[in-house]
Amino acid sequence: MSQLNYTINGNDLQYIKIILEPGQEAIAEQGAMMYVDKHIVVDTILGDGSSSRMGGIGRFWNALKRSFTGESMFSSVYRNTSNKPQTIAIAAPSPGEIIPINLSEHGGMIICQKGAYIAGELGQRIQLAFQKRLRVGFFGGEGFIMQKISGQGVVFIHASGTLKEVVLMPDDELKIDTGCLVGMSSTVRYDIKYTGKLKNSLFGGEGLFYATVSGPGKVWIQSLPMNRLSKVLMSAALTGSSSRSSWMGKFYLLAVILVAIATVYNKP
């Protein structure tokens, strides 16, 4: 399989432009297509297309588990059926940055937040990654389920806001807001710790717990988690002043914001 030829375009609202060679294929999350050239054939498959010993029932079960990671049960496969290069474009679901990650540089697997996956090379698998520690599952911001993306080649994931990539050495440890962790190498150790002071927990605005990641490996951190943006928008709708100062005007503004948030969270 030849490596994907791609460029990432845009600043806050990005998209991936992929040039497929004759016969080459790529896979993307359902509904992420922006545009494709004339000779690109788009096919819908169950899950990530991976086979199962249980046949059709097994593939359905894998696709169902995939839906718990924040992705659709179906994926779109793009294939170039012509004898010359053709272009496809895959758009990000919300403002932020698209991160290309070569899985072979991370032992063939990375762990990500739910819904992070956008696109990649055919043959990659998106599976459940359970948090084995109870405190991580309850207080880690991502719940008990994250994404495990495995395979070969480049995978594209999405981060909200601005992205920070950190390389951790074996003795390095980093404290992160529980909602800001986007992804990490499979070698990185992930845990949750109490902030240590009741005053900080109650009045510091950072909550009771923070995430800790220990090396070796890479971690990807986002500056503006969608849940934080949602809280800011809802607070502005309820308490902000504008020309529509009546309760009806504020109710209308809140309804518009909630619809926008629902559109971001529920990809078509």
C-alpha atoms as a PDB file:
ATOM      1  CA  MET A   1       0.000   0.000   0.000  1.00  0.00           C
ATOM      2  CA  SER A   2       1.470   3.363  -1.029  1.00  0.00           C
ATOM      3  CA  GLN A   3       1.400   6.167   1.501  1.00  0.00           C
ATOM      4  CA  LEU A   4      -1.310   8.804   1.153  1.00  0.00           C
ATOM      5  CA  ASN A   5      -0.347  12.037  -0.603  1.00  0.00           C
ATOM      6  CA  TYR A   6      -2.122  14.738   1.406  1.00  0.00           C
ATOM      7  CA  THR A   7      -2.117  18.383   2.469  1.00  0.00           C
ATOM      8  CA  ILE A   8      -4.044  20.004   5.320  1.00  0.00           C
ATOM      9  CA  ASN A   9      -5.638  23.312   4.360  1.00  0.00           C
ATOM     10  CA  GLY A  10      -7.165  26.144   6.384  1.00  0.00           C
ATOM     11  CA  ASN A  11      -6.604  27.557   9.840  1.00  0.00           C
ATOM     12  CA  ASP A  12      -9.538  27.163  12.247  1.00  0.00           C
ATOM     13  CA  LEU A  13     -11.885  25.274   9.903  1.00  0.00           C
ATOM     14  CA  GLN A  14      -9.591  22.814   8.193  1.00  0.00           C
ATOM     15  CA  TYR A  15      -9.946  20.116   5.568  1.00  0.00           C
ATOM     16  CA  ILE A  16      -7.692  17.352   4.233  1.00  0.00           C
ATOM     17  CA  LYS A  17      -6.908  17.250   0.521  1.00  0.00           C
ATOM     18  CA  ILE A  18      -5.845  13.730  -0.501  1.00  0.00           C
ATOM     19  CA  ILE A  19      -4.567  12.818  -3.963  1.00  0.00           C
ATOM     20  CA  LEU A  20      -5.300   9.163  -4.716  1.00  0.00           C
ATOM     21  CA  GLU A  21      -3.191   7.363  -7.288  1.00  0.00           C
ATOM     22  CA  PRO A  22      -4.901   4.959  -9.754  1.00  0.00           C
ATOM     23  CA  GLY A  23      -6.487   2.129  -7.765  1.00  0.00           C
ATOM     24  CA  GLN A  24      -5.617   3.700  -4.402  1.00  0.00           C
ATOM     25  CA  GLU A  25      -8.199   3.870  -1.597  1.00  0.00           C
ATOM     26  CA  ALA A  26      -8.807   5.917   1.545  1.00  0.00           C
ATOM     27  CA  ILE A  27     -11.406   5.644   4.293  1.00  0.00           C
ATOM     28  CA  ALA A  28     -13.173   8.391   6.239  1.00  0.00           C
ATOM     29  CA  GLU A  29     -15.849   8.891   8.849  1.00  0.00           C
ATOM     30  CA  GLN A  30     -19.391   8.887   7.452  1.00  0.00           C
ATOM     31  CA  GLY A  31     -20.532  12.336   6.282  1.00  0.00           C
ATOM     32  CA  ALA A  32     -17.047  13.918   6.341  1.00  0.00           C
ATOM     33  CA  MET A  33     -16.724  14.354   2.563  1.00  0.00           C
ATOM     34  CA  MET A  34     -16.235  17.898   1.250  1.00  0.00           C
ATOM     35  CA  TYR A  35     -15.799  17.120  -2.478  1.00  0.00           C
ATOM     36  CA  VAL A  36     -14.340  14.448  -4.776  1.00  0.00           C
ATOM     37  CA  ASP A  37     -13.135  14.350  -8.377  1.00  0.00           C
ATOM     38  CA  LYS A  38     -15.174  12.788 -11.164  1.00  0.00           C
ATOM     39  CA  HIS A  39     -13.584   9.331 -11.175  1.00  0.00           C
ATOM     40  CA  ILE A  40     -13.686   8.754  -7.434  1.00  0.00           C
ATOM     41  CA  VAL A  41     -16.110   6.002  -6.429  1.00  0.00           C
ATOM     42  CA  VAL A  42     -17.563   6.263  -2.915  1.00  0.00           C
ATOM     43  CA  ASP A  43     -18.694   3.095  -1.167  1.00  0.00           C
ATOM     44  CA  THR A  44     -20.305   2.665   2.269  1.00  0.00           C
ATOM     45  CA  ILE A  45     -19.074  -0.174   4.447  1.00  0.00           C
ATOM     46  CA  LEU A  46     -20.024  -1.483   7.883  1.00  0.00           C
ATOM     47  CA  GLY A  47     -17.575  -0.336  10.548  1.00  0.00           C
ATOM     48  CA  ASP A  48     -13.999  -0.026   9.358  1.00  0.00           C
ATOM     49  CA  GLY A  49     -14.324  -2.932   6.912  1.00  0.00           C
ATOM     50  CA  SER A  50     -12.229  -5.320   8.998  1.00  0.00           C
ATOM     51  CA  SER A  51     -13.085  -9.016   8.826  1.00  0.00           C
ATOM     52  CA  SER A  52     -14.303 -11.164  11.702  1.00  0.00           C
ATOM     53  CA  ARG A  53     -14.224 -14.869  12.512  1.00  0.00           C
ATOM     54  CA  MET A  54     -17.979 -14.670  13.125  1.00  0.00           C
ATOM     55  CA  GLY A  55     -18.710 -13.392   9.624  1.00  0.00           C
ATOM     56  CA  GLY A  56     -21.474 -10.822   9.178  1.00  0.00           C
ATOM     57  CA  ILE A  57     -22.591 -10.999  12.810  1.00  0.00           C
ATOM     58  CA  GLY A  58     -19.045 -10.326  13.956  1.00  0.00           C
ATOM     59  CA  ARG A  59     -18.650  -7.346  11.619  1.00  0.00           C
ATOM     60  CA  PHE A  60     -21.934  -5.922  12.893  1.00  0.00           C
ATOM     61  CA  TRP A  61     -20.807  -6.382  16.504  1.00  0.00           C
ATOM     62  CA  ASN A  62     -17.481  -4.648  15.749  1.00  0.00           C
ATOM     63  CA  ALA A  63     -19.361  -1.760  14.095  1.00  0.00           C
ATOM     64  CA  LEU A  64     -21.679  -1.487  17.107  1.00  0.00           C
ATOM     65  CA  LYS A  65     -18.714  -1.308  19.480  1.00  0.00           C
ATOM     66  CA  ARG A  66     -17.169   1.291  17.186  1.00  0.00           C
ATOM     67  CA  SER A  67     -20.247   3.487  17.653  1.00  0.00           C
ATOM     68  CA  PHE A  68     -19.508   3.637  21.404  1.00  0.00           C
ATOM     69  CA  THR A  69     -16.212   5.374  20.604  1.00  0.00           C
ATOM     70  CA  GLY A  70     -18.083   8.358  19.146  1.00  0.00           C
ATOM     71  CA  GLU A  71     -17.907   7.261  15.492  1.00  0.00           C
ATOM     72  CA  SER A  72     -20.593   6.094  13.081  1.00  0.00           C
ATOM     73  CA  MET A  73     -21.395   2.441  12.522  1.00  0.00           C
ATOM     74  CA  PHE A  74     -20.640   2.973   8.825  1.00  0.00           C
ATOM     75  CA  SER A  75     -17.619   4.396   7.012  1.00  0.00           C
ATOM     76  CA  SER A  76     -17.047   5.782   3.518  1.00  0.00           C
ATOM     77  CA  VAL A  77     -14.366   4.282   1.272  1.00  0.00           C
ATOM     78  CA  TYR A  78     -13.012   6.399  -1.607  1.00  0.00           C
ATOM     79  CA  ARG A  79     -11.409   4.594  -4.547  1.00  0.00           C
ATOM     80  CA  ASN A  80      -9.733   6.052  -7.637  1.00  0.00           C
ATOM     81  CA  THR A  81     -11.063   4.083 -10.620  1.00  0.00           C
ATOM     82  CA  SER A  82      -9.226   6.082 -13.308  1.00  0.00           C
ATOM     83  CA  ASN A  83      -5.687   5.845 -14.694  1.00  0.00           C
ATOM     84  CA  LYS A  84      -4.648   9.269 -13.386  1.00  0.00           C
ATOM     85  CA  PRO A  85      -4.514  10.902  -9.935  1.00  0.00           C
ATOM     86  CA  GLN A  86      -7.820  12.037  -8.449  1.00  0.00           C
ATOM     87  CA  THR A  87      -8.565  14.291  -5.469  1.00  0.00           C
ATOM     88  CA  ILE A  88     -10.805  13.922  -2.439  1.00  0.00           C
ATOM     89  CA  ALA A  89     -11.356  16.456   0.352  1.00  0.00           C
ATOM     90  CA  ILE A  90     -12.393  15.546   3.906  1.00  0.00           C
ATOM     91  CA  ALA A  91     -13.610  18.323   6.239  1.00  0.00           C
ATOM     92  CA  ALA A  92     -13.190  18.695  10.004  1.00  0.00           C
ATOM     93  CA  PRO A  93     -16.430  18.422  12.026  1.00  0.00           C
ATOM     94  CA  SER A  94     -15.807  21.594  14.094  1.00  0.00           C
ATOM     95  CA  PRO A  95     -13.308  24.463  14.578  1.00  0.00           C
ATOM     96  CA  GLY A  96      -9.863  23.238  15.509  1.00  0.00           C
ATOM     97  CA  GLU A  97      -6.900  21.415  13.995  1.00  0.00           C
ATOM     98  CA  ILE A  98      -6.502  18.181  12.050  1.00  0.00           C
ATOM     99  CA  ILE A  99      -3.568  16.042  13.196  1.00  0.00           C
ATOM    100  CA  PRO A 100      -1.875  13.575  10.820  1.00  0.00           C
ATOM    101  CA  ILE A 101      -0.243  10.729  12.760  1.00  0.00           C
ATOM    102  CA  ASN A 102       1.918   7.979  11.269  1.00  0.00           C
ATOM    103  CA  LEU A 103       0.925   4.873  13.219  1.00  0.00           C
ATOM    104  CA  SER A 104       4.184   3.081  12.438  1.00  0.00           C
ATOM    105  CA  GLU A 105       6.014   5.729  14.510  1.00  0.00           C
ATOM    106  CA  HIS A 106       3.910   4.775  17.559  1.00  0.00           C
ATOM    107  CA  GLY A 107       4.083   0.992  17.488  1.00  0.00           C
ATOM    108  CA  GLY A 108       1.084   0.724  15.161  1.00  0.00           C
ATOM    109  CA  MET A 109      -1.421   2.057  17.718  1.00  0.00           C
ATOM    110  CA  ILE A 110      -2.543   5.255  19.460  1.00  0.00           C
ATOM    111  CA  ILE A 111      -5.231   6.033  22.055  1.00  0.00           C
ATOM    112  CA  CYS A 112      -7.583   9.000  21.446  1.00  0.00           C
ATOM    113  CA  GLN A 113     -10.611  10.734  22.906  1.00  0.00           C
ATOM    114  CA  LYS A 114     -14.027   9.638  21.677  1.00  0.00           C
ATOM    115  CA  GLY A 115     -14.957  11.011  18.243  1.00  0.00           C
ATOM    116  CA  ALA A 116     -11.398  12.092  17.385  1.00  0.00           C
ATOM    117  CA  TYR A 117     -11.014   9.956  14.243  1.00  0.00           C
ATOM    118  CA  ILE A 118     -11.705  11.579  10.858  1.00  0.00           C
ATOM    119  CA  ALA A 119      -9.982   9.589   8.116  1.00  0.00           C
ATOM    120  CA  GLY A 120      -7.067   7.336   7.284  1.00  0.00           C
ATOM    121  CA  GLU A 121      -5.788   4.499   5.149  1.00  0.00           C
ATOM    122  CA  LEU A 122      -7.940   1.466   4.439  1.00  0.00           C
ATOM    123  CA  GLY A 123      -7.146  -1.367   6.847  1.00  0.00           C
ATOM    124  CA  GLN A 124      -6.889   0.734   9.989  1.00  0.00           C
ATOM    125  CA  ARG A 125      -9.123  -0.340  12.890  1.00  0.00           C
ATOM    126  CA  ILE A 126     -11.045   1.792  15.395  1.00  0.00           C
ATOM    127  CA  GLN A 127     -11.782  -0.168  18.562  1.00  0.00           C
ATOM    128  CA  LEU A 128     -12.803   0.383  22.167  1.00  0.00           C
ATOM    129  CA  ALA A 129     -10.124   1.281  24.678  1.00  0.00           C
ATOM    130  CA  PHE A 130     -11.446   0.733  28.206  1.00  0.00           C
ATOM    131  CA  GLN A 131     -10.069   2.597  31.197  1.00  0.00           C
ATOM    132  CA  LYS A 132      -9.211  -0.110  33.718  1.00  0.00           C
ATOM    133  CA  ARG A 133      -8.873   2.230  36.697  1.00  0.00           C
ATOM    134  CA  LEU A 134     -12.201   3.317  38.201  1.00  0.00           C
ATOM    135  CA  ARG A 135     -10.975   6.806  39.071  1.00  0.00           C
ATOM    136  CA  VAL A 136      -9.824   7.353  35.473  1.00  0.00           C
ATOM    137  CA  GLY A 137     -13.188   6.254  34.119  1.00  0.00           C
ATOM    138  CA  PHE A 138     -15.229   8.383  36.519  1.00  0.00           C
ATOM    139  CA  PHE A 139     -13.105  11.526  36.664  1.00  0.00           C
ATOM    140  CA  GLY A 140     -10.922  11.432  33.553  1.00  0.00           C
ATOM    141  CA  GLY A 141     -13.179  13.583  31.390  1.00  0.00           C
ATOM    142  CA  GLU A 142     -13.389  10.900  28.671  1.00  0.00           C
ATOM    143  CA  GLY A 143     -15.333   8.299  30.676  1.00  0.00           C
ATOM    144  CA  PHE A 144     -14.473   4.606  30.611  1.00  0.00           C
ATOM    145  CA  ILE A 145     -14.296   4.407  26.806  1.00  0.00           C
ATOM    146  CA  MET A 146     -11.717   5.923  24.472  1.00  0.00           C
ATOM    147  CA  GLN A 147     -10.628   5.091  20.928  1.00  0.00           C
ATOM    148  CA  LYS A 148      -7.859   2.661  20.051  1.00  0.00           C
ATOM    149  CA  ILE A 149      -6.703   3.256  16.473  1.00  0.00           C
ATOM    150  CA  SER A 150      -4.394   0.573  15.099  1.00  0.00           C
ATOM    151  CA  GLY A 151      -2.888  -0.394  11.768  1.00  0.00           C
ATOM    152  CA  GLN A 152      -0.396   1.072   9.324  1.00  0.00           C
ATOM    153  CA  GLY A 153       0.021   4.400   7.549  1.00  0.00           C
ATOM    154  CA  VAL A 154      -1.321   7.852   8.359  1.00  0.00           C
ATOM    155  CA  VAL A 155      -4.470   8.446  10.414  1.00  0.00           C
ATOM    156  CA  PHE A 156      -6.134  11.853  10.803  1.00  0.00           C
ATOM    157  CA  ILE A 157      -7.667  12.910  14.122  1.00  0.00           C
ATOM    158  CA  HIS A 158      -9.265  16.210  15.158  1.00  0.00           C
ATOM    159  CA  ALA A 159      -8.544  18.531  18.091  1.00  0.00           C
ATOM    160  CA  SER A 160     -10.673  21.503  19.171  1.00  0.00           C
ATOM    161  CA  GLY A 161      -8.987  24.895  19.450  1.00  0.00           C
ATOM    162  CA  THR A 162      -5.200  24.994  19.055  1.00  0.00           C
ATOM    163  CA  LEU A 163      -3.080  21.854  19.245  1.00  0.00           C
ATOM    164  CA  LYS A 164      -0.014  21.257  21.419  1.00  0.00           C
ATOM    165  CA  GLU A 165       2.192  18.213  20.823  1.00  0.00           C
ATOM    166  CA  VAL A 166       4.433  17.146  23.706  1.00  0.00           C
ATOM    167  CA  VAL A 167       7.193  14.529  23.589  1.00  0.00           C
ATOM    168  CA  LEU A 168       7.620  12.810  26.962  1.00  0.00           C
ATOM    169  CA  MET A 169      10.845  11.148  28.014  1.00  0.00           C
ATOM    170  CA  PRO A 170      10.717   8.069  30.300  1.00  0.00           C
ATOM    171  CA  ASP A 171      10.959  10.168  33.481  1.00  0.00           C
ATOM    172  CA  ASP A 172       8.666  12.990  32.323  1.00  0.00           C
ATOM    173  CA  GLU A 173       5.190  13.591  33.713  1.00  0.00           C
ATOM    174  CA  LEU A 174       2.648  16.210  32.688  1.00  0.00           C
ATOM    175  CA  LYS A 175      -0.503  17.473  34.407  1.00  0.00           C
ATOM    176  CA  ILE A 176      -3.375  18.171  31.967  1.00  0.00           C
ATOM    177  CA  ASP A 177      -6.932  19.413  32.304  1.00  0.00           C
ATOM    178  CA  THR A 178      -9.115  16.313  31.971  1.00  0.00           C
ATOM    179  CA  GLY A 179     -10.941  17.655  28.917  1.00  0.00           C
ATOM    180  CA  CYS A 180      -7.846  18.789  26.998  1.00  0.00           C
ATOM    181  CA  LEU A 181      -6.246  15.404  26.315  1.00  0.00           C
ATOM    182  CA  VAL A 182      -6.809  14.474  22.646  1.00  0.00           C
ATOM    183  CA  GLY A 183      -4.553  11.485  22.128  1.00  0.00           C
ATOM    184  CA  MET A 184      -1.406   9.678  23.227  1.00  0.00           C
ATOM    185  CA  SER A 185       1.004   6.981  22.194  1.00  0.00           C
ATOM    186  CA  SER A 186       0.199   3.499  23.453  1.00  0.00           C
ATOM    187  CA  THR A 187       3.347   3.636  25.607  1.00  0.00           C
ATOM    188  CA  VAL A 188       2.111   6.651  27.608  1.00  0.00           C
ATOM    189  CA  ARG A 189       0.693   5.968  31.091  1.00  0.00           C
ATOM    190  CA  TYR A 190      -2.549   7.797  31.886  1.00  0.00           C
ATOM    191  CA  ASP A 191      -3.929   8.424  35.380  1.00  0.00           C
ATOM    192  CA  ILE A 192      -6.133  10.812  37.376  1.00  0.00           C
ATOM    193  CA  LYS A 193      -5.059  12.656  40.526  1.00  0.00           C
ATOM    194  CA  TYR A 194      -6.794  14.855  43.079  1.00  0.00           C
ATOM    195  CA  THR A 195      -5.813  18.518  42.900  1.00  0.00           C
ATOM    196  CA  GLY A 196      -4.707  18.297  46.525  1.00  0.00           C
ATOM    197  CA  LYS A 197      -6.339  21.382  47.993  1.00  0.00           C
ATOM    198  CA  LEU A 198     -10.042  21.845  48.686  1.00  0.00           C
ATOM    199  CA  LYS A 199      -9.742  25.599  48.117  1.00  0.00           C
ATOM    200  CA  ASN A 200      -8.318  25.069  44.640  1.00  0.00           C
ATOM    201  CA  SER A 201     -10.979  22.464  43.865  1.00  0.00           C
ATOM    202  CA  LEU A 202     -13.878  24.702  44.894  1.00  0.00           C
ATOM    203  CA  PHE A 203     -12.684  28.109  43.699  1.00  0.00           C
ATOM    204  CA  GLY A 204      -9.862  27.480  41.225  1.00  0.00           C
ATOM    205  CA  GLY A 205     -12.175  26.651  38.346  1.00  0.00           C
ATOM    206  CA  GLU A 206     -10.215  23.528  37.378  1.00  0.00           C
ATOM    207  CA  GLY A 207     -12.364  20.961  39.189  1.00  0.00           C
ATOM    208  CA  LEU A 208     -11.428  18.247  41.663  1.00  0.00           C
ATOM    209  CA  PHE A 209      -9.124  16.206  39.447  1.00  0.00           C
ATOM    210  CA  TYR A 210      -6.534  16.570  36.715  1.00  0.00           C
ATOM    211  CA  ALA A 211      -5.049  14.048  34.320  1.00  0.00           C
ATOM    212  CA  THR A 212      -1.430  12.940  34.504  1.00  0.00           C
ATOM    213  CA  VAL A 213       0.470  11.443  31.580  1.00  0.00           C
ATOM    214  CA  SER A 214       3.891   9.820  31.971  1.00  0.00           C
ATOM    215  CA  GLY A 215       6.426   8.974  29.285  1.00  0.00           C
ATOM    216  CA  PRO A 216       7.842   7.680  27.147  1.00  0.00           C
ATOM    217  CA  GLY A 217       5.778   8.725  24.126  1.00  0.00           C
ATOM    218  CA  LYS A 218       3.820  11.593  22.634  1.00  0.00           C
ATOM    219  CA  VAL A 219       0.647  13.309  23.812  1.00  0.00           C
ATOM    220  CA  TRP A 220      -1.602  15.697  21.886  1.00  0.00           C
ATOM    221  CA  ILE A 221      -3.420  18.416  23.849  1.00  0.00           C
ATOM    222  CA  GLN A 222      -6.260  20.707  22.710  1.00  0.00           C
ATOM    223  CA  SER A 223      -6.750  24.258  23.991  1.00  0.00           C
ATOM    224  CA  LEU A 224     -10.551  24.433  23.831  1.00  0.00           C
ATOM    225  CA  PRO A 225     -12.578  21.270  24.563  1.00  0.00           C
ATOM    226  CA  MET A 226     -16.087  21.382  23.121  1.00  0.00           C
ATOM    227  CA  ASN A 227     -17.701  21.007  26.566  1.00  0.00           C
ATOM    228  CA  ARG A 228     -15.862  24.130  27.758  1.00  0.00           C
ATOM    229  CA  LEU A 229     -16.993  26.087  24.674  1.00  0.00           C
ATOM    230  CA  SER A 230     -20.570  24.909  25.254  1.00  0.00           C
ATOM    231  CA  LYS A 231     -20.517  26.229  28.832  1.00  0.00           C
ATOM    232  CA  VAL A 232     -19.235  29.642  27.689  1.00  0.00           C
ATOM    233  CA  LEU A 233     -21.909  29.942  25.006  1.00  0.00           C
ATOM    234  CA  MET A 234     -24.711  28.899  27.353  1.00  0.00           C
ATOM    235  CA  SER A 235     -23.502  31.302  30.050  1.00  0.00           C
ATOM    236  CA  ALA A 236     -23.390  34.160  27.535  1.00  0.00           C
ATOM    237  CA  ALA A 237     -26.893  33.334  26.360  1.00  0.00           C
ATOM    238  CA  LEU A 238     -28.304  33.331  29.896  1.00  0.00           C
ATOM    239  CA  THR A 239     -26.480  36.299  31.427  1.00  0.00           C
ATOM    240  CA  GLY A 240     -25.227  38.445  28.534  1.00  0.00           C
ATOM    241  CA  SER A 241     -26.896  41.726  27.656  1.00  0.00           C
ATOM    242  CA  SER A 242     -27.874  42.769  24.143  1.00  0.00           C
ATOM    243  CA  SER A 243     -30.556  44.612  22.288  1.00  0.00           C
ATOM    244  CA  ARG A 244     -32.751  41.555  22.852  1.00  0.00           C
ATOM    245  CA  SER A 245     -32.853  42.036  26.608  1.00  0.00           C
ATOM    246  CA  SER A 246     -36.251  40.478  27.132  1.00  0.00           C
ATOM    247  CA  TRP A 247     -36.616  36.911  28.360  1.00  0.00           C
ATOM    248  CA  MET A 248     -38.060  35.903  25.008  1.00  0.00           C
ATOM    249  CA  GLY A 249     -35.012  37.233  23.200  1.00  0.00           C
ATOM    250  CA  LYS A 250     -32.637  35.370  25.543  1.00  0.00           C
ATOM    251  CA  PHE A 251     -34.646  32.177  25.172  1.00  0.00           C
ATOM    252  CA  TYR A 252     -34.437  32.485  21.381  1.00  0.00           C
ATOM    253  CA  LEU A 253     -30.660  33.061  21.523  1.00  0.00           C
ATOM    254  CA  LEU A 254     -30.201  30.039  23.786  1.00  0.00           C
ATOM    255  CA  ALA A 255     -32.234  27.868  21.410  1.00  0.00           C
ATOM    256  CA  VAL A 256     -30.062  28.923  18.457  1.00  0.00           C
ATOM    257  CA  ILE A 257     -26.855  28.123  20.388  1.00  0.00           C
ATOM    258  CA  LEU A 258     -28.170  24.726  21.496  1.00  0.00           C
ATOM    259  CA  VAL A 259     -29.047  23.830  17.913  1.00  0.00           C
ATOM    260  CA  ALA A 260     -25.543  24.835  16.804  1.00  0.00           C
ATOM    261  CA  ILE A 261     -23.961  22.723  19.549  1.00  0.00           C
ATOM    262  CA  ALA A 262     -26.150  19.735  18.656  1.00  0.00           C
ATOM    263  CA  THR A 263     -25.099  20.081  15.013  1.00  0.00           C
ATOM    264  CA  VAL A 264     -21.417  19.982  16.004  1.00  0.00           C
ATOM    265  CA  TYR A 265     -21.797  16.943  18.272  1.00  0.00           C
ATOM    266  CA  ASN A 266     -24.031  14.952  15.927  1.00  0.00           C
ATOM    267  CA  LYS A 267     -22.213  14.559  12.656  1.00  0.00           C
ATOM    268  CA  PRO A 268     -24.438  13.540   9.727  1.00  0.00           C
END
